[in-house]
Amino acid sequence: MADREQLDEIMTLSEVAEYLKVAEKTVLRMVHRNEIPSLKIASQWRFLKPVIDDWLISKMKDSRKSDLVTILETDPSILPVSRFTDASCINTDIHPGTKSEVLKQLLRPLKEQKVLENDQEFLEKLLQREHMASTALGRGVAVPHVRDPETISHDKPLLGIGICSKGTYFDSIDGDKTYLFFLIYINSVAVHLRTLSKLSLLFQKDDFIKSMKEAKTAAEVMGILIQFDSVL
């Protein structure tokens, strides 16, 4: 179950509007356009503060303003996340365990491909991000990622995918088990944030969640991603 500190990281529509210094209708418009990571709980929109903070990384790191403009003005649905992964990045046999144990399994394919220069260092960065607030967003999904995408040295955007058929407790905001893991390994702030937005759009589809949970092979996972990329 989520502890009190984690619950304090969950923001309402009005709170996130105040936090971003914009009107509520502006945030709501972004939500309806799937331009900001959000989750609907009991007909109310909720936001994770650390995820919203990711939208501000470009300012803190003096990234180009055009990147932020692109994120806000471009429809994230056109981003083909299926192009960011392939069978070699997918582990359909994640075993339940601690966060560290689950993340190690998720990183294994990237380690085997020698994508990671230092897998232990990257694991520690992922765990540091989890310590801030869990990346398990409810509905059985999690999107592990580092706090600062620009520290990733690999230029090619990658999406590591893991399926835990039995489910594992990953400090989800709804207190339930997590079954699907989408590891974002992208060093562009703009693409990182647009990927979060596209995944948020996918997670709203019950048939996507169901199909992914039932997938047994990497080929099936790729087929599902391509299918939903084409219809969103």
Protein backbone atom coordinates (compact mmCIF):
# COMPACT_ATOMS: atom_id res chain seq x y z
CA MET A 1 0.00 0.00 0.00
CA ALA A 2 1.13 3.54 -0.69
CA ASP A 3 2.47 5.29 2.38
CA ARG A 4 1.49 8.79 3.47
CA GLU A 5 4.52 10.43 1.86
CA GLN A 6 3.67 8.89 -1.47
CA LEU A 7 0.00 9.89 -1.24
CA ASP A 8 1.10 13.47 -0.65
CA GLU A 9 2.69 13.37 -4.12
CA ILE A 10 -0.73 12.88 -5.77
CA MET A 11 -2.14 16.18 -7.04
CA THR A 12 -5.65 17.23 -8.06
CA LEU A 13 -6.47 19.24 -11.17
CA SER A 14 -6.60 22.50 -9.22
CA GLU A 15 -3.35 21.70 -7.40
CA VAL A 16 -1.43 20.94 -10.57
CA ALA A 17 -2.83 24.09 -12.21
CA GLU A 18 -1.62 26.15 -9.25
CA TYR A 19 1.71 24.32 -9.29
CA LEU A 20 2.25 25.06 -13.00
CA LYS A 21 0.86 28.62 -12.64
CA VAL A 22 -1.74 28.13 -15.35
CA ALA A 23 -5.54 28.08 -15.46
CA GLU A 24 -7.37 24.87 -14.60
CA LYS A 25 -9.00 24.88 -18.02
CA THR A 26 -5.54 24.91 -19.60
CA VAL A 27 -4.53 21.78 -17.68
CA LEU A 28 -7.87 20.14 -18.46
CA ARG A 29 -7.40 20.90 -22.15
CA MET A 30 -3.94 19.30 -22.01
CA VAL A 31 -5.44 16.26 -20.27
CA HIS A 32 -8.12 15.84 -22.93
CA ARG A 33 -5.45 16.12 -25.62
CA ASN A 34 -3.31 13.55 -23.77
CA GLU A 35 -0.50 16.08 -23.53
CA ILE A 36 0.22 15.58 -19.83
CA PRO A 37 0.61 12.34 -17.84
CA SER A 38 -2.55 11.81 -15.80
CA LEU A 39 -4.79 9.14 -14.35
CA LYS A 40 -8.55 9.16 -13.94
CA ILE A 41 -9.74 7.80 -10.58
CA ALA A 42 -13.44 7.79 -9.75
CA SER A 43 -14.17 10.37 -12.47
CA GLN A 44 -11.48 12.71 -11.12
CA TRP A 45 -8.13 13.49 -12.73
CA ARG A 46 -5.04 12.89 -10.62
CA PHE A 47 -1.37 13.67 -11.24
CA LEU A 48 1.91 12.48 -9.70
CA LYS A 49 3.98 15.47 -8.67
CA PRO A 50 7.37 13.92 -9.60
CA VAL A 51 6.02 13.08 -13.06
CA ILE A 52 4.76 16.65 -13.47
CA ASP A 53 8.19 17.81 -12.34
CA ASP A 54 9.61 15.98 -15.34
CA TRP A 55 7.88 18.56 -17.52
CA LEU A 56 10.06 21.22 -15.93
CA ILE A 57 13.41 19.50 -16.46
CA SER A 58 14.03 21.46 -19.64
CA LYS A 59 13.89 24.73 -17.69
CA MET A 60 16.09 23.49 -14.87
CA LYS A 61 18.67 22.15 -17.31
CA ASP A 62 18.47 25.10 -19.74
CA SER A 63 17.08 22.89 -22.47
CA ARG A 64 15.78 24.49 -25.61
CA LYS A 65 12.46 26.25 -25.20
CA SER A 66 11.37 24.79 -28.53
CA ASP A 67 11.43 21.33 -26.96
CA LEU A 68 8.81 22.34 -24.40
CA VAL A 69 6.73 24.06 -27.06
CA THR A 70 6.83 20.89 -29.15
CA ILE A 71 5.67 18.82 -26.19
CA LEU A 72 2.73 21.11 -25.48
CA GLU A 73 1.62 21.72 -29.05
CA THR A 74 2.20 18.36 -30.78
CA ASP A 75 -0.31 15.52 -30.49
CA PRO A 76 1.53 12.73 -28.61
CA SER A 77 -0.64 10.11 -30.30
CA ILE A 78 1.49 10.37 -33.44
CA LEU A 79 4.56 9.17 -31.55
CA PRO A 80 5.09 5.51 -32.61
CA VAL A 81 6.38 3.91 -29.41
CA SER A 82 6.60 0.56 -31.20
CA ARG A 83 9.63 1.95 -33.07
CA PHE A 84 11.47 2.42 -29.80
CA THR A 85 11.60 -1.28 -28.98
CA ASP A 86 11.99 -4.73 -30.48
CA ALA A 87 11.96 -8.34 -29.30
CA SER A 88 15.45 -8.02 -27.81
CA CYS A 89 14.23 -5.32 -25.36
CA ILE A 90 11.26 -7.33 -24.07
CA ASN A 91 11.16 -9.70 -21.08
CA THR A 92 7.83 -11.52 -20.79
CA ASP A 93 8.97 -13.54 -17.77
CA ILE A 94 9.46 -11.01 -14.98
CA HIS A 95 9.32 -12.70 -11.57
CA PRO A 96 7.75 -10.97 -8.55
CA GLY A 97 10.20 -9.42 -6.11
CA THR A 98 11.53 -6.23 -4.64
CA LYS A 99 11.83 -3.14 -6.80
CA SER A 100 15.53 -3.77 -7.23
CA GLU A 101 14.94 -7.39 -8.27
CA VAL A 102 12.23 -6.44 -10.77
CA LEU A 103 14.27 -3.61 -12.28
CA LYS A 104 17.31 -5.88 -12.67
CA GLN A 105 15.18 -8.26 -14.73
CA LEU A 106 13.89 -5.37 -16.80
CA LEU A 107 17.45 -4.14 -17.44
CA ARG A 108 18.82 -7.57 -18.33
CA PRO A 109 18.04 -7.35 -22.07
CA LEU A 110 19.71 -3.93 -22.30
CA LYS A 111 22.72 -5.28 -20.43
CA GLU A 112 22.97 -8.24 -22.77
CA GLN A 113 22.90 -5.90 -25.76
CA LYS A 114 25.65 -3.82 -24.13
CA VAL A 115 23.41 -0.74 -24.32
CA LEU A 116 24.15 0.11 -20.69
CA GLU A 117 27.66 1.30 -19.94
CA ASN A 118 27.15 0.67 -16.23
CA ASP A 119 23.99 -1.27 -15.41
CA GLN A 120 24.50 -1.00 -11.64
CA GLU A 121 24.81 2.78 -11.82
CA PHE A 122 21.70 3.02 -13.96
CA LEU A 123 19.82 0.74 -11.57
CA GLU A 124 20.72 3.05 -8.70
CA LYS A 125 19.38 6.04 -10.64
CA LEU A 126 16.12 4.19 -11.26
CA LEU A 127 15.83 3.36 -7.57
CA GLN A 128 16.55 6.98 -6.63
CA ARG A 129 13.65 8.01 -8.88
CA GLU A 130 11.43 5.38 -7.23
CA HIS A 131 12.38 6.73 -3.81
CA MET A 132 10.97 10.13 -4.81
CA ALA A 133 7.64 8.52 -5.76
CA SER A 134 6.75 5.23 -7.33
CA THR A 135 6.48 5.13 -11.11
CA ALA A 136 3.68 2.56 -10.77
CA LEU A 137 0.72 4.58 -12.01
CA GLY A 138 -2.12 2.21 -11.23
CA ARG A 139 -4.11 -0.06 -13.54
CA GLY A 140 -1.28 -2.58 -13.26
CA VAL A 141 1.32 -0.51 -15.12
CA ALA A 142 4.61 1.20 -14.25
CA VAL A 143 6.97 3.41 -16.25
CA PRO A 144 10.42 3.25 -14.60
CA HIS A 145 12.75 6.04 -15.71
CA VAL A 146 15.59 8.18 -14.39
CA ARG A 147 15.08 11.66 -12.97
CA ASP A 148 17.20 13.37 -15.61
CA PRO A 149 17.01 11.84 -19.12
CA GLU A 150 19.98 13.90 -20.31
CA THR A 151 22.33 11.76 -18.19
CA ILE A 152 21.66 8.79 -20.51
CA SER A 153 24.58 8.38 -22.89
CA HIS A 154 22.87 6.14 -25.45
CA ASP A 155 21.54 8.25 -28.36
CA LYS A 156 18.99 5.79 -29.74
CA PRO A 157 15.61 6.00 -27.93
CA LEU A 158 14.73 2.65 -26.36
CA LEU A 159 11.71 1.28 -24.55
CA GLY A 160 12.30 -1.78 -22.39
CA ILE A 161 9.15 -3.79 -21.70
CA GLY A 162 8.53 -6.36 -18.98
CA ILE A 163 5.52 -8.52 -18.17
CA CYS A 164 5.00 -10.06 -14.74
CA SER A 165 2.10 -12.48 -15.21
CA LYS A 166 1.69 -13.06 -11.47
CA GLY A 167 1.92 -9.38 -10.65
CA THR A 168 4.22 -7.82 -8.10
CA TYR A 169 3.81 -5.04 -5.55
CA PHE A 170 5.61 -1.95 -6.87
CA ASP A 171 4.13 0.72 -4.58
CA SER A 172 1.37 1.52 -7.03
CA ILE A 173 -0.77 4.55 -6.21
CA ASP A 174 -3.85 2.30 -6.13
CA GLY A 175 -2.16 -0.26 -3.86
CA ASP A 176 -2.66 -3.10 -6.35
CA LYS A 177 -0.11 -5.29 -8.07
CA THR A 178 1.82 -4.18 -11.15
CA TYR A 179 1.94 -6.46 -14.19
CA LEU A 180 3.33 -4.33 -17.00
CA PHE A 181 6.59 -2.37 -16.98
CA PHE A 182 7.67 0.17 -19.58
CA LEU A 183 11.26 1.31 -19.02
CA ILE A 184 11.96 4.63 -20.76
CA TYR A 185 15.60 4.85 -21.87
CA ILE A 186 15.67 8.10 -23.83
CA ASN A 187 18.13 10.97 -23.47
CA SER A 188 16.01 13.66 -25.17
CA VAL A 189 13.80 15.51 -22.72
CA ALA A 190 11.24 16.27 -25.44
CA VAL A 191 10.98 12.69 -26.66
CA HIS A 192 11.03 11.37 -23.09
CA LEU A 193 8.03 13.49 -22.12
CA ARG A 194 6.12 12.78 -25.31
CA THR A 195 6.71 9.07 -24.70
CA LEU A 196 5.22 9.43 -21.22
CA SER A 197 2.21 11.13 -22.77
CA LYS A 198 1.75 8.44 -25.43
CA LEU A 199 2.03 5.66 -22.86
CA SER A 200 -0.54 7.46 -20.69
CA LEU A 201 -2.84 7.43 -23.71
CA LEU A 202 -2.32 3.70 -24.21
CA PHE A 203 -2.92 2.95 -20.53
CA GLN A 204 -6.42 4.36 -20.79
CA LYS A 205 -7.33 1.55 -23.20
CA ASP A 206 -8.69 -1.47 -21.32
CA ASP A 207 -8.13 -3.75 -24.31
CA PHE A 208 -4.49 -2.66 -24.52
CA ILE A 209 -3.87 -3.48 -20.86
CA LYS A 210 -5.67 -6.81 -21.18
CA SER A 211 -3.85 -7.81 -24.37
CA MET A 212 -0.45 -6.91 -22.92
CA LYS A 213 -1.09 -8.87 -19.73
CA GLU A 214 -2.01 -11.94 -21.77
CA ALA A 215 0.98 -11.71 -24.14
CA LYS A 216 3.31 -14.70 -23.82
CA THR A 217 6.05 -13.83 -26.30
CA ALA A 218 8.01 -10.77 -27.38
CA ALA A 219 6.52 -11.15 -30.85
CA GLU A 220 3.00 -10.89 -29.40
CA VAL A 221 3.99 -7.76 -27.49
CA MET A 222 5.35 -6.15 -30.65
CA GLY A 223 2.18 -7.01 -32.52
CA ILE A 224 0.04 -5.38 -29.83
CA LEU A 225 2.16 -2.20 -29.80
CA ILE A 226 2.05 -1.90 -33.58
CA GLN A 227 -1.71 -2.50 -33.59
CA PHE A 228 -2.44 0.25 -31.06
CA ASP A 229 0.09 2.62 -32.59
CA SER A 230 -1.87 2.41 -35.83
CA VAL A 231 -5.29 3.16 -34.34
CA LEU A 232 -4.49 5.92 -31.83
